[in-house]
Amino acid sequence: MQTVTITTLESSFSSELYQELFDYFDIHEICQTFYDLNFHLNEIIRQSYIHLNLSSKYNEQHILPKIYLPSIRSLKLSNSHTNNQIISVLSQYSLENFINLYSLTLNDLQVNDIKYTIDKLQCLKRLSTLTIGFHRSIYNGIVKHILKIIFSDSLLYTLKYLKFYNCRWIIHSIVSTKTPSNIQHLNISLIHKTDFIHLIPLLPHLRSITIGLWNNQSSIIATKMILPIMTDLVELNLFNCSGLSFEHTKSFFLLKLPNLKKISLKVYDLSYANGKEWEQLFINDLPKVNSFYLSVRLESQYINKNDLLSTFQTNYWIKYHVEIQNYSEAFSNSTQLIVKLRTV
């Protein structure tokens, strides 16, 4: 009796080929298209590298149960899209089971979430990216606990990217560790100058910083402390700078970054809108800068815009690819000066 073997197109594909194919699809699309076609495909999906965004209730209820947890490389959870989602998910699927997680995003983190998230971080031996958006209920004591975990020995060597947003606390002197971390990219939506000074010595390998920096002029502590030289830092994104003039930012911060290549600033202080000051800074202290973006928003009708623009029209600026934009709002006294520089 002759045996007939029927080979379908699907069964002729190797597991590796499917995994490469899945790289081009969202996990939602993969599960809708391929899941339950056969056992073989189900197993491939379960063991593929997964980037899972649980911002929708559908993904939580219908996608997550089909996934092999150690296959998940990045995970996003959000209380702002689905009420109490962080607890809902991690009380059922403990963070300890996500053993190959490289990236974790927690949006609108609340006090009750801490034992399911922050207290489990030390189990994530491969975690390199951590993003936390804070709920207004988070207070200083919780922030102290979070920082203690982040700067613990188990995370010091793997974590490379740290982002905090919606944080509004004075956190200086609450980081007790003296051991530096390997964090290379720091992103904090708002931080006091004094807090920043306390954090930087713990981050000697920083390559990029994105921060909203503010300063209380009456702060005595801040005037007595200085930043170390940061030779590894090549990119700076600075916004707000409340209470910090150009000269203050220059002496406090910019002069400590000798290898800086990219600068982006969004500020509201007239002192930053001086092309001659920037020209001298770049020539004398920051010669490696090849990308510069400056946005200065001014709220006065008495500013001579032509005088400001002329400071960015010297021979130095002309030789570069400089774009200068000037916006005035018809129903207010607001003017925005934008300067963009990019070398060849």
C-alpha atoms as a PDB file:
ATOM      1  CA  MET A   1       0.000   0.000   0.000  1.00  0.00           C
ATOM      2  CA  GLN A   2       1.462   3.352  -1.005  1.00  0.00           C
ATOM      3  CA  THR A   3       1.769   6.081   1.609  1.00  0.00           C
ATOM      4  CA  VAL A   4       0.991   9.598   0.498  1.00  0.00           C
ATOM      5  CA  THR A   5       2.588  12.472   2.430  1.00  0.00           C
ATOM      6  CA  ILE A   6       0.965  15.866   2.097  1.00  0.00           C
ATOM      7  CA  THR A   7       3.179  18.802   2.997  1.00  0.00           C
ATOM      8  CA  THR A   8       1.444  22.130   3.419  1.00  0.00           C
ATOM      9  CA  LEU A   9       3.181  25.420   2.822  1.00  0.00           C
ATOM     10  CA  GLU A  10       2.808  26.261   6.489  1.00  0.00           C
ATOM     11  CA  SER A  11       4.454  23.052   7.705  1.00  0.00           C
ATOM     12  CA  SER A  12       7.415  23.491   5.376  1.00  0.00           C
ATOM     13  CA  PHE A  13       8.467  26.706   7.098  1.00  0.00           C
ATOM     14  CA  SER A  14      11.070  26.389   9.808  1.00  0.00           C
ATOM     15  CA  SER A  15      10.543  27.784  13.298  1.00  0.00           C
ATOM     16  CA  GLU A  16      13.349  30.277  12.693  1.00  0.00           C
ATOM     17  CA  LEU A  17      11.640  31.587   9.570  1.00  0.00           C
ATOM     18  CA  TYR A  18       8.387  32.118  11.435  1.00  0.00           C
ATOM     19  CA  GLN A  19      10.183  33.928  14.224  1.00  0.00           C
ATOM     20  CA  GLU A  20      11.808  36.251  11.702  1.00  0.00           C
ATOM     21  CA  LEU A  21       8.434  36.807  10.070  1.00  0.00           C
ATOM     22  CA  PHE A  22       6.835  37.628  13.418  1.00  0.00           C
ATOM     23  CA  ASP A  23       9.339  40.442  13.947  1.00  0.00           C
ATOM     24  CA  TYR A  24       7.338  42.456  11.408  1.00  0.00           C
ATOM     25  CA  PHE A  25       4.011  42.042  13.198  1.00  0.00           C
ATOM     26  CA  ASP A  26       2.488  43.313  16.394  1.00  0.00           C
ATOM     27  CA  ILE A  27       1.733  40.529  18.874  1.00  0.00           C
ATOM     28  CA  HIS A  28      -1.979  41.318  18.517  1.00  0.00           C
ATOM     29  CA  GLU A  29      -1.752  40.689  14.751  1.00  0.00           C
ATOM     30  CA  ILE A  30       0.293  37.535  15.245  1.00  0.00           C
ATOM     31  CA  CYS A  31      -2.227  35.989  17.617  1.00  0.00           C
ATOM     32  CA  GLN A  32      -5.210  36.947  15.480  1.00  0.00           C
ATOM     33  CA  THR A  33      -3.632  35.587  12.291  1.00  0.00           C
ATOM     34  CA  PHE A  34      -1.684  32.518  13.370  1.00  0.00           C
ATOM     35  CA  TYR A  35      -2.799  31.346  16.785  1.00  0.00           C
ATOM     36  CA  ASP A  36      -4.803  28.096  16.906  1.00  0.00           C
ATOM     37  CA  LEU A  37      -4.000  27.153  13.307  1.00  0.00           C
ATOM     38  CA  ASN A  38      -2.097  24.203  14.713  1.00  0.00           C
ATOM     39  CA  PHE A  39      -0.077  23.142  17.728  1.00  0.00           C
ATOM     40  CA  HIS A  40       3.265  23.817  16.033  1.00  0.00           C
ATOM     41  CA  LEU A  41       2.435  27.462  15.351  1.00  0.00           C
ATOM     42  CA  ASN A  42       1.072  27.939  18.835  1.00  0.00           C
ATOM     43  CA  GLU A  43       4.383  26.790  20.288  1.00  0.00           C
ATOM     44  CA  ILE A  44       6.373  29.063  17.982  1.00  0.00           C
ATOM     45  CA  ILE A  45       4.261  32.051  19.030  1.00  0.00           C
ATOM     46  CA  ARG A  46       4.643  31.165  22.689  1.00  0.00           C
ATOM     47  CA  GLN A  47       8.414  31.055  22.395  1.00  0.00           C
ATOM     48  CA  SER A  48       9.002  34.006  20.073  1.00  0.00           C
ATOM     49  CA  TYR A  49      10.536  37.214  21.382  1.00  0.00           C
ATOM     50  CA  ILE A  50       7.519  39.245  22.426  1.00  0.00           C
ATOM     51  CA  HIS A  51       7.095  42.988  22.972  1.00  0.00           C
ATOM     52  CA  LEU A  52       3.827  43.245  24.838  1.00  0.00           C
ATOM     53  CA  ASN A  53       1.825  46.429  25.357  1.00  0.00           C
ATOM     54  CA  LEU A  54      -1.072  45.807  27.725  1.00  0.00           C
ATOM     55  CA  SER A  55      -2.545  49.298  27.520  1.00  0.00           C
ATOM     56  CA  SER A  56      -5.758  47.739  26.215  1.00  0.00           C
ATOM     57  CA  LYS A  57      -8.002  45.393  28.150  1.00  0.00           C
ATOM     58  CA  TYR A  58      -8.206  43.151  25.076  1.00  0.00           C
ATOM     59  CA  ASN A  59      -4.469  42.426  25.122  1.00  0.00           C
ATOM     60  CA  GLU A  60      -4.635  41.649  28.816  1.00  0.00           C
ATOM     61  CA  GLN A  61      -7.565  39.249  28.489  1.00  0.00           C
ATOM     62  CA  HIS A  62      -6.920  37.602  25.123  1.00  0.00           C
ATOM     63  CA  ILE A  63      -3.230  37.942  24.248  1.00  0.00           C
ATOM     64  CA  LEU A  64      -1.337  37.543  27.513  1.00  0.00           C
ATOM     65  CA  PRO A  65      -2.815  34.087  28.368  1.00  0.00           C
ATOM     66  CA  LYS A  66      -1.445  32.736  25.067  1.00  0.00           C
ATOM     67  CA  ILE A  67       2.113  33.896  25.682  1.00  0.00           C
ATOM     68  CA  TYR A  68       4.931  31.986  27.306  1.00  0.00           C
ATOM     69  CA  LEU A  69       6.070  34.532  29.929  1.00  0.00           C
ATOM     70  CA  PRO A  70       9.840  33.933  29.589  1.00  0.00           C
ATOM     71  CA  SER A  71       9.479  34.884  25.905  1.00  0.00           C
ATOM     72  CA  ILE A  72       8.411  38.426  26.740  1.00  0.00           C
ATOM     73  CA  ARG A  73      11.271  40.892  26.217  1.00  0.00           C
ATOM     74  CA  SER A  74       9.410  44.146  26.867  1.00  0.00           C
ATOM     75  CA  LEU A  75       6.258  44.782  28.888  1.00  0.00           C
ATOM     76  CA  LYS A  76       4.092  47.901  29.212  1.00  0.00           C
ATOM     77  CA  LEU A  77       1.449  48.216  31.903  1.00  0.00           C
ATOM     78  CA  SER A  78      -0.760  51.251  32.487  1.00  0.00           C
ATOM     79  CA  ASN A  79      -3.293  52.174  35.142  1.00  0.00           C
ATOM     80  CA  SER A  80      -4.294  55.252  33.174  1.00  0.00           C
ATOM     81  CA  HIS A  81      -5.779  53.238  30.308  1.00  0.00           C
ATOM     82  CA  THR A  82      -7.244  50.409  32.380  1.00  0.00           C
ATOM     83  CA  ASN A  83      -8.024  50.989  36.061  1.00  0.00           C
ATOM     84  CA  ASN A  84      -5.744  49.026  38.393  1.00  0.00           C
ATOM     85  CA  GLN A  85      -4.243  47.117  35.489  1.00  0.00           C
ATOM     86  CA  ILE A  86      -0.823  46.772  37.125  1.00  0.00           C
ATOM     87  CA  ILE A  87      -2.235  44.912  40.125  1.00  0.00           C
ATOM     88  CA  SER A  88      -4.710  43.008  37.971  1.00  0.00           C
ATOM     89  CA  VAL A  89      -1.966  41.600  35.742  1.00  0.00           C
ATOM     90  CA  LEU A  90       0.904  41.114  38.172  1.00  0.00           C
ATOM     91  CA  SER A  91      -1.177  39.550  40.937  1.00  0.00           C
ATOM     92  CA  GLN A  92      -2.053  36.828  38.425  1.00  0.00           C
ATOM     93  CA  TYR A  93       1.233  36.715  36.494  1.00  0.00           C
ATOM     94  CA  SER A  94       4.018  37.438  38.956  1.00  0.00           C
ATOM     95  CA  LEU A  95       6.854  39.614  37.679  1.00  0.00           C
ATOM     96  CA  GLU A  96       9.236  36.903  38.859  1.00  0.00           C
ATOM     97  CA  ASN A  97       8.110  34.776  35.890  1.00  0.00           C
ATOM     98  CA  PHE A  98       9.244  37.348  33.302  1.00  0.00           C
ATOM     99  CA  ILE A  99      12.803  36.115  33.600  1.00  0.00           C
ATOM    100  CA  ASN A 100      13.985  37.394  30.204  1.00  0.00           C
ATOM    101  CA  LEU A 101      12.476  40.857  30.464  1.00  0.00           C
ATOM    102  CA  TYR A 102      14.739  43.599  29.117  1.00  0.00           C
ATOM    103  CA  SER A 103      12.330  46.538  29.219  1.00  0.00           C
ATOM    104  CA  LEU A 104       9.578  47.397  31.706  1.00  0.00           C
ATOM    105  CA  THR A 105       7.204  50.383  31.533  1.00  0.00           C
ATOM    106  CA  LEU A 106       4.859  51.176  34.418  1.00  0.00           C
ATOM    107  CA  ASN A 107       2.491  54.056  33.726  1.00  0.00           C
ATOM    108  CA  ASP A 108       0.561  55.794  36.515  1.00  0.00           C
ATOM    109  CA  LEU A 109       2.229  53.693  39.223  1.00  0.00           C
ATOM    110  CA  GLN A 110       0.297  53.793  42.507  1.00  0.00           C
ATOM    111  CA  VAL A 111       1.255  52.982  46.085  1.00  0.00           C
ATOM    112  CA  ASN A 112      -0.600  49.650  46.055  1.00  0.00           C
ATOM    113  CA  ASP A 113       1.400  48.549  42.996  1.00  0.00           C
ATOM    114  CA  ILE A 114       4.785  48.698  44.718  1.00  0.00           C
ATOM    115  CA  LYS A 115       4.842  45.162  46.129  1.00  0.00           C
ATOM    116  CA  TYR A 116       3.947  43.716  42.714  1.00  0.00           C
ATOM    117  CA  THR A 117       6.472  45.799  40.772  1.00  0.00           C
ATOM    118  CA  ILE A 118       9.311  47.630  42.503  1.00  0.00           C
ATOM    119  CA  ASP A 119       9.759  44.963  45.177  1.00  0.00           C
ATOM    120  CA  LYS A 120      10.143  42.343  42.418  1.00  0.00           C
ATOM    121  CA  LEU A 121      12.648  44.206  40.243  1.00  0.00           C
ATOM    122  CA  GLN A 122      15.599  42.365  41.726  1.00  0.00           C
ATOM    123  CA  CYS A 123      14.259  39.165  40.147  1.00  0.00           C
ATOM    124  CA  LEU A 124      14.707  40.647  36.660  1.00  0.00           C
ATOM    125  CA  LYS A 125      18.340  39.781  36.053  1.00  0.00           C
ATOM    126  CA  ARG A 126      18.350  41.090  32.461  1.00  0.00           C
ATOM    127  CA  LEU A 127      16.424  44.317  32.907  1.00  0.00           C
ATOM    128  CA  SER A 128      18.143  47.129  31.008  1.00  0.00           C
ATOM    129  CA  THR A 129      15.322  49.678  30.506  1.00  0.00           C
ATOM    130  CA  LEU A 130      12.982  50.931  33.222  1.00  0.00           C
ATOM    131  CA  THR A 131      10.309  53.598  32.677  1.00  0.00           C
ATOM    132  CA  ILE A 132       8.048  54.734  35.517  1.00  0.00           C
ATOM    133  CA  GLY A 133       5.214  57.248  35.356  1.00  0.00           C
ATOM    134  CA  PHE A 134       4.036  58.162  38.844  1.00  0.00           C
ATOM    135  CA  HIS A 135       0.511  58.636  40.151  1.00  0.00           C
ATOM    136  CA  ARG A 136      -0.051  61.697  42.350  1.00  0.00           C
ATOM    137  CA  SER A 137      -0.474  59.401  45.385  1.00  0.00           C
ATOM    138  CA  ILE A 138       3.233  58.524  45.371  1.00  0.00           C
ATOM    139  CA  TYR A 139       5.064  60.338  48.180  1.00  0.00           C
ATOM    140  CA  ASN A 140       8.704  60.873  49.176  1.00  0.00           C
ATOM    141  CA  GLY A 141       8.972  57.734  51.285  1.00  0.00           C
ATOM    142  CA  ILE A 142       7.918  55.601  48.320  1.00  0.00           C
ATOM    143  CA  VAL A 143      10.377  57.385  46.036  1.00  0.00           C
ATOM    144  CA  LYS A 144      13.140  56.658  48.535  1.00  0.00           C
ATOM    145  CA  HIS A 145      12.193  52.983  48.494  1.00  0.00           C
ATOM    146  CA  ILE A 146      12.097  52.912  44.677  1.00  0.00           C
ATOM    147  CA  LEU A 147      15.542  54.491  44.374  1.00  0.00           C
ATOM    148  CA  LYS A 148      16.949  52.096  46.962  1.00  0.00           C
ATOM    149  CA  ILE A 149      15.799  49.159  44.833  1.00  0.00           C
ATOM    150  CA  ILE A 150      17.010  50.696  41.565  1.00  0.00           C
ATOM    151  CA  PHE A 151      20.460  51.334  43.001  1.00  0.00           C
ATOM    152  CA  SER A 152      20.703  47.927  44.640  1.00  0.00           C
ATOM    153  CA  ASP A 153      23.499  45.588  43.625  1.00  0.00           C
ATOM    154  CA  SER A 154      21.269  43.350  41.513  1.00  0.00           C
ATOM    155  CA  LEU A 155      20.217  46.176  39.170  1.00  0.00           C
ATOM    156  CA  LEU A 156      23.397  48.245  39.180  1.00  0.00           C
ATOM    157  CA  TYR A 157      25.056  46.223  36.443  1.00  0.00           C
ATOM    158  CA  THR A 158      22.187  45.554  34.034  1.00  0.00           C
ATOM    159  CA  LEU A 159      20.122  48.757  34.009  1.00  0.00           C
ATOM    160  CA  LYS A 160      21.169  51.099  31.188  1.00  0.00           C
ATOM    161  CA  TYR A 161      18.129  53.365  30.689  1.00  0.00           C
ATOM    162  CA  LEU A 162      16.082  54.993  33.454  1.00  0.00           C
ATOM    163  CA  LYS A 163      13.085  57.272  32.897  1.00  0.00           C
ATOM    164  CA  PHE A 164      10.899  58.958  35.530  1.00  0.00           C
ATOM    165  CA  TYR A 165       7.964  61.150  34.597  1.00  0.00           C
ATOM    166  CA  ASN A 166       5.258  62.899  36.621  1.00  0.00           C
ATOM    167  CA  CYS A 167       7.676  63.008  39.541  1.00  0.00           C
ATOM    168  CA  ARG A 168       7.447  66.083  41.762  1.00  0.00           C
ATOM    169  CA  TRP A 169       9.485  65.363  44.868  1.00  0.00           C
ATOM    170  CA  ILE A 170      12.539  66.674  46.595  1.00  0.00           C
ATOM    171  CA  ILE A 171      14.664  63.553  46.631  1.00  0.00           C
ATOM    172  CA  HIS A 172      18.125  64.783  47.627  1.00  0.00           C
ATOM    173  CA  SER A 173      19.867  62.818  50.362  1.00  0.00           C
ATOM    174  CA  ILE A 174      17.424  59.898  50.105  1.00  0.00           C
ATOM    175  CA  VAL A 175      19.726  57.809  47.911  1.00  0.00           C
ATOM    176  CA  SER A 176      21.809  56.000  50.508  1.00  0.00           C
ATOM    177  CA  THR A 177      23.983  53.880  48.231  1.00  0.00           C
ATOM    178  CA  LYS A 178      27.505  54.980  47.345  1.00  0.00           C
ATOM    179  CA  THR A 179      27.971  52.378  44.634  1.00  0.00           C
ATOM    180  CA  PRO A 180      27.777  53.805  41.093  1.00  0.00           C
ATOM    181  CA  SER A 181      25.494  52.228  38.509  1.00  0.00           C
ATOM    182  CA  ASN A 182      25.919  51.457  34.801  1.00  0.00           C
ATOM    183  CA  ILE A 183      22.976  53.624  33.722  1.00  0.00           C
ATOM    184  CA  GLN A 184      23.861  55.350  30.442  1.00  0.00           C
ATOM    185  CA  HIS A 185      20.634  57.198  29.633  1.00  0.00           C
ATOM    186  CA  LEU A 186      18.700  59.251  32.188  1.00  0.00           C
ATOM    187  CA  ASN A 187      15.305  60.856  31.536  1.00  0.00           C
ATOM    188  CA  ILE A 188      13.513  62.745  34.334  1.00  0.00           C
ATOM    189  CA  SER A 189      10.609  65.056  33.583  1.00  0.00           C
ATOM    190  CA  LEU A 190      11.268  67.371  36.528  1.00  0.00           C
ATOM    191  CA  ILE A 191      14.109  67.446  39.030  1.00  0.00           C
ATOM    192  CA  HIS A 192      15.472  70.041  41.423  1.00  0.00           C
ATOM    193  CA  LYS A 193      19.044  71.163  40.860  1.00  0.00           C
ATOM    194  CA  THR A 194      20.080  69.887  44.301  1.00  0.00           C
ATOM    195  CA  ASP A 195      18.563  66.462  43.674  1.00  0.00           C
ATOM    196  CA  PHE A 196      20.349  66.318  40.351  1.00  0.00           C
ATOM    197  CA  ILE A 197      23.678  67.046  42.034  1.00  0.00           C
ATOM    198  CA  HIS A 198      23.134  64.154  44.437  1.00  0.00           C
ATOM    199  CA  LEU A 199      22.200  61.702  41.674  1.00  0.00           C
ATOM    200  CA  ILE A 200      24.943  62.423  39.148  1.00  0.00           C
ATOM    201  CA  PRO A 201      27.882  60.964  41.153  1.00  0.00           C
ATOM    202  CA  LEU A 202      25.997  57.648  41.132  1.00  0.00           C
ATOM    203  CA  LEU A 203      25.816  57.745  37.314  1.00  0.00           C
ATOM    204  CA  PRO A 204      29.424  57.983  36.066  1.00  0.00           C
ATOM    205  CA  HIS A 205      28.679  56.276  32.736  1.00  0.00           C
ATOM    206  CA  LEU A 206      25.936  58.607  31.502  1.00  0.00           C
ATOM    207  CA  ARG A 207      25.922  59.190  27.755  1.00  0.00           C
ATOM    208  CA  SER A 208      22.655  61.105  27.456  1.00  0.00           C
ATOM    209  CA  ILE A 209      20.491  63.184  29.777  1.00  0.00           C
ATOM    210  CA  THR A 210      16.943  64.421  29.239  1.00  0.00           C
ATOM    211  CA  ILE A 211      15.686  66.512  32.152  1.00  0.00           C
ATOM    212  CA  GLY A 212      13.409  69.303  33.221  1.00  0.00           C
ATOM    213  CA  LEU A 213      15.645  71.175  35.646  1.00  0.00           C
ATOM    214  CA  TRP A 214      14.496  73.749  38.171  1.00  0.00           C
ATOM    215  CA  ASN A 215      16.121  75.716  40.952  1.00  0.00           C
ATOM    216  CA  ASN A 216      14.835  77.473  44.035  1.00  0.00           C
ATOM    217  CA  GLN A 217      16.834  80.687  44.292  1.00  0.00           C
ATOM    218  CA  SER A 218      16.716  80.497  48.089  1.00  0.00           C
ATOM    219  CA  SER A 219      18.336  77.061  48.104  1.00  0.00           C
ATOM    220  CA  ILE A 220      21.496  77.254  50.192  1.00  0.00           C
ATOM    221  CA  ILE A 221      22.538  73.643  49.670  1.00  0.00           C
ATOM    222  CA  ALA A 222      22.601  73.995  45.893  1.00  0.00           C
ATOM    223  CA  THR A 223      25.076  76.890  45.954  1.00  0.00           C
ATOM    224  CA  LYS A 224      27.637  74.864  47.890  1.00  0.00           C
ATOM    225  CA  MET A 225      27.718  71.828  45.628  1.00  0.00           C
ATOM    226  CA  ILE A 226      29.097  71.318  42.139  1.00  0.00           C
ATOM    227  CA  LEU A 227      28.790  68.658  39.476  1.00  0.00           C
ATOM    228  CA  PRO A 228      31.697  66.416  38.501  1.00  0.00           C
ATOM    229  CA  ILE A 229      33.158  66.486  34.997  1.00  0.00           C
ATOM    230  CA  MET A 230      31.111  64.096  32.823  1.00  0.00           C
ATOM    231  CA  THR A 231      33.420  62.937  30.044  1.00  0.00           C
ATOM    232  CA  ASP A 232      31.114  60.204  28.695  1.00  0.00           C
ATOM    233  CA  LEU A 233      28.130  62.480  28.143  1.00  0.00           C
ATOM    234  CA  VAL A 234      27.520  63.261  24.463  1.00  0.00           C
ATOM    235  CA  GLU A 235      23.831  64.259  24.381  1.00  0.00           C
ATOM    236  CA  LEU A 236      21.893  66.771  26.486  1.00  0.00           C
ATOM    237  CA  ASN A 237      18.166  67.535  26.257  1.00  0.00           C
ATOM    238  CA  LEU A 238      17.238  70.264  28.709  1.00  0.00           C
ATOM    239  CA  PHE A 239      13.846  71.906  29.143  1.00  0.00           C
ATOM    240  CA  ASN A 240      12.112  74.389  31.456  1.00  0.00           C
ATOM    241  CA  CYS A 241      15.254  75.416  33.437  1.00  0.00           C
ATOM    242  CA  SER A 242      13.075  77.364  35.859  1.00  0.00           C
ATOM    243  CA  GLY A 243      15.201  79.651  38.025  1.00  0.00           C
ATOM    244  CA  LEU A 244      18.344  79.008  35.952  1.00  0.00           C
ATOM    245  CA  SER A 245      19.796  81.711  33.715  1.00  0.00           C
ATOM    246  CA  PHE A 246      22.096  80.952  30.790  1.00  0.00           C
ATOM    247  CA  GLU A 247      25.168  81.924  32.818  1.00  0.00           C
ATOM    248  CA  HIS A 248      24.028  79.723  35.699  1.00  0.00           C
ATOM    249  CA  THR A 249      23.373  76.738  33.443  1.00  0.00           C
ATOM    250  CA  LYS A 250      26.677  77.293  31.691  1.00  0.00           C
ATOM    251  CA  SER A 251      28.814  77.349  34.845  1.00  0.00           C
ATOM    252  CA  PHE A 252      26.799  74.739  36.724  1.00  0.00           C
ATOM    253  CA  PHE A 253      26.317  72.247  33.907  1.00  0.00           C
ATOM    254  CA  LEU A 254      27.531  72.934  30.367  1.00  0.00           C
ATOM    255  CA  LEU A 255      31.179  73.521  31.263  1.00  0.00           C
ATOM    256  CA  LYS A 256      31.257  70.039  32.846  1.00  0.00           C
ATOM    257  CA  LEU A 257      30.513  68.330  29.501  1.00  0.00           C
ATOM    258  CA  PRO A 258      33.706  68.562  27.403  1.00  0.00           C
ATOM    259  CA  ASN A 259      32.694  65.847  24.906  1.00  0.00           C
ATOM    260  CA  LEU A 260      29.149  67.011  24.283  1.00  0.00           C
ATOM    261  CA  LYS A 261      28.005  66.554  20.664  1.00  0.00           C
ATOM    262  CA  LYS A 262      24.263  67.186  20.716  1.00  0.00           C
ATOM    263  CA  ILE A 263      22.331  69.866  22.624  1.00  0.00           C
ATOM    264  CA  SER A 264      18.601  70.530  22.701  1.00  0.00           C
ATOM    265  CA  LEU A 265      17.136  73.236  24.953  1.00  0.00           C
ATOM    266  CA  LYS A 266      13.572  74.478  25.442  1.00  0.00           C
ATOM    267  CA  VAL A 267      13.578  77.427  27.827  1.00  0.00           C
ATOM    268  CA  TYR A 268      11.672  80.582  28.818  1.00  0.00           C
ATOM    269  CA  ASP A 269      14.552  82.872  29.762  1.00  0.00           C
ATOM    270  CA  LEU A 270      15.764  85.762  27.594  1.00  0.00           C
ATOM    271  CA  SER A 271      19.390  85.199  28.632  1.00  0.00           C
ATOM    272  CA  TYR A 272      19.547  82.049  26.465  1.00  0.00           C
ATOM    273  CA  ALA A 273      18.675  83.991  23.292  1.00  0.00           C
ATOM    274  CA  ASN A 274      22.173  85.340  22.715  1.00  0.00           C
ATOM    275  CA  GLY A 275      24.035  83.884  19.745  1.00  0.00           C
ATOM    276  CA  LYS A 276      27.333  85.513  20.703  1.00  0.00           C
ATOM    277  CA  GLU A 277      27.326  83.794  24.103  1.00  0.00           C
ATOM    278  CA  TRP A 278      26.644  80.420  22.488  1.00  0.00           C
ATOM    279  CA  GLU A 279      29.309  81.088  19.870  1.00  0.00           C
ATOM    280  CA  GLN A 280      31.972  81.677  22.515  1.00  0.00           C
ATOM    281  CA  LEU A 281      30.856  78.616  24.469  1.00  0.00           C
ATOM    282  CA  PHE A 282      31.100  76.344  21.423  1.00  0.00           C
ATOM    283  CA  ILE A 283      34.466  77.715  20.312  1.00  0.00           C
ATOM    284  CA  ASN A 284      36.163  77.741  23.708  1.00  0.00           C
ATOM    285  CA  ASP A 285      34.558  74.941  25.702  1.00  0.00           C
ATOM    286  CA  LEU A 286      32.315  72.691  23.586  1.00  0.00           C
ATOM    287  CA  PRO A 287      34.119  72.293  20.245  1.00  0.00           C
ATOM    288  CA  LYS A 288      32.605  68.860  19.520  1.00  0.00           C
ATOM    289  CA  VAL A 289      28.989  70.038  19.324  1.00  0.00           C
ATOM    290  CA  ASN A 290      27.576  69.224  15.878  1.00  0.00           C
ATOM    291  CA  SER A 291      23.851  69.427  16.599  1.00  0.00           C
ATOM    292  CA  PHE A 292      22.175  72.320  18.404  1.00  0.00           C
ATOM    293  CA  TYR A 293      18.481  73.041  18.919  1.00  0.00           C
ATOM    294  CA  LEU A 294      17.399  76.067  20.931  1.00  0.00           C
ATOM    295  CA  SER A 295      13.811  77.123  21.589  1.00  0.00           C
ATOM    296  CA  VAL A 296      13.320  80.267  23.669  1.00  0.00           C
ATOM    297  CA  ARG A 297       9.765  81.323  24.435  1.00  0.00           C
ATOM    298  CA  LEU A 298       9.508  84.951  25.543  1.00  0.00           C
ATOM    299  CA  GLU A 299       6.478  86.579  27.163  1.00  0.00           C
ATOM    300  CA  SER A 300       7.178  90.298  26.741  1.00  0.00           C
ATOM    301  CA  GLN A 301       6.159  92.888  24.165  1.00  0.00           C
ATOM    302  CA  TYR A 302       9.238  95.011  24.869  1.00  0.00           C
ATOM    303  CA  ILE A 303      11.776  92.581  23.410  1.00  0.00           C
ATOM    304  CA  ASN A 304      13.582  93.700  20.265  1.00  0.00           C
ATOM    305  CA  LYS A 305      13.391  90.556  18.157  1.00  0.00           C
ATOM    306  CA  ASN A 306      15.715  91.920  15.473  1.00  0.00           C
ATOM    307  CA  ASP A 307      18.466  92.449  18.025  1.00  0.00           C
ATOM    308  CA  LEU A 308      18.097  88.843  19.191  1.00  0.00           C
ATOM    309  CA  LEU A 309      18.174  87.466  15.671  1.00  0.00           C
ATOM    310  CA  SER A 310      21.261  89.498  14.758  1.00  0.00           C
ATOM    311  CA  THR A 311      23.332  87.709  17.419  1.00  0.00           C
ATOM    312  CA  PHE A 312      22.829  84.472  15.456  1.00  0.00           C
ATOM    313  CA  GLN A 313      23.896  86.006  12.136  1.00  0.00           C
ATOM    314  CA  THR A 314      27.643  86.409  12.689  1.00  0.00           C
ATOM    315  CA  ASN A 315      30.315  84.792  10.499  1.00  0.00           C
ATOM    316  CA  TYR A 316      30.458  81.866  12.925  1.00  0.00           C
ATOM    317  CA  TRP A 317      26.783  80.991  12.466  1.00  0.00           C
ATOM    318  CA  ILE A 318      26.752  81.674   8.737  1.00  0.00           C
ATOM    319  CA  LYS A 319      29.286  78.928   8.012  1.00  0.00           C
ATOM    320  CA  TYR A 320      26.992  76.303   9.530  1.00  0.00           C
ATOM    321  CA  HIS A 321      23.606  75.009   8.439  1.00  0.00           C
ATOM    322  CA  VAL A 322      21.633  77.281  10.727  1.00  0.00           C
ATOM    323  CA  GLU A 323      17.879  77.678  10.586  1.00  0.00           C
ATOM    324  CA  ILE A 324      16.325  80.521  12.566  1.00  0.00           C
ATOM    325  CA  GLN A 325      12.580  80.701  13.116  1.00  0.00           C
ATOM    326  CA  ASN A 326      10.694  83.491  14.819  1.00  0.00           C
ATOM    327  CA  TYR A 327       7.052  83.142  15.861  1.00  0.00           C
ATOM    328  CA  SER A 328       4.773  85.799  17.316  1.00  0.00           C
ATOM    329  CA  GLU A 329       1.286  85.063  18.597  1.00  0.00           C
ATOM    330  CA  ALA A 330      -1.385  87.522  17.487  1.00  0.00           C
ATOM    331  CA  PHE A 331      -3.424  87.562  20.704  1.00  0.00           C
ATOM    332  CA  SER A 332      -0.618  87.557  23.278  1.00  0.00           C
ATOM    333  CA  ASN A 333       2.801  89.004  23.979  1.00  0.00           C
ATOM    334  CA  SER A 334       4.452  85.642  23.378  1.00  0.00           C
ATOM    335  CA  THR A 335       7.385  85.279  20.986  1.00  0.00           C
ATOM    336  CA  GLN A 336       9.267  82.075  20.241  1.00  0.00           C
ATOM    337  CA  LEU A 337      12.808  82.048  18.883  1.00  0.00           C
ATOM    338  CA  ILE A 338      14.041  78.741  17.442  1.00  0.00           C
ATOM    339  CA  VAL A 339      17.630  78.153  16.347  1.00  0.00           C
ATOM    340  CA  LYS A 340      18.712  74.904  14.679  1.00  0.00           C
ATOM    341  CA  LEU A 341      22.313  74.089  13.865  1.00  0.00           C
ATOM    342  CA  ARG A 342      23.676  70.945  12.295  1.00  0.00           C
ATOM    343  CA  THR A 343      27.196  70.674  10.929  1.00  0.00           C
ATOM    344  CA  VAL A 344      28.037  68.894   7.673  1.00  0.00           C
END
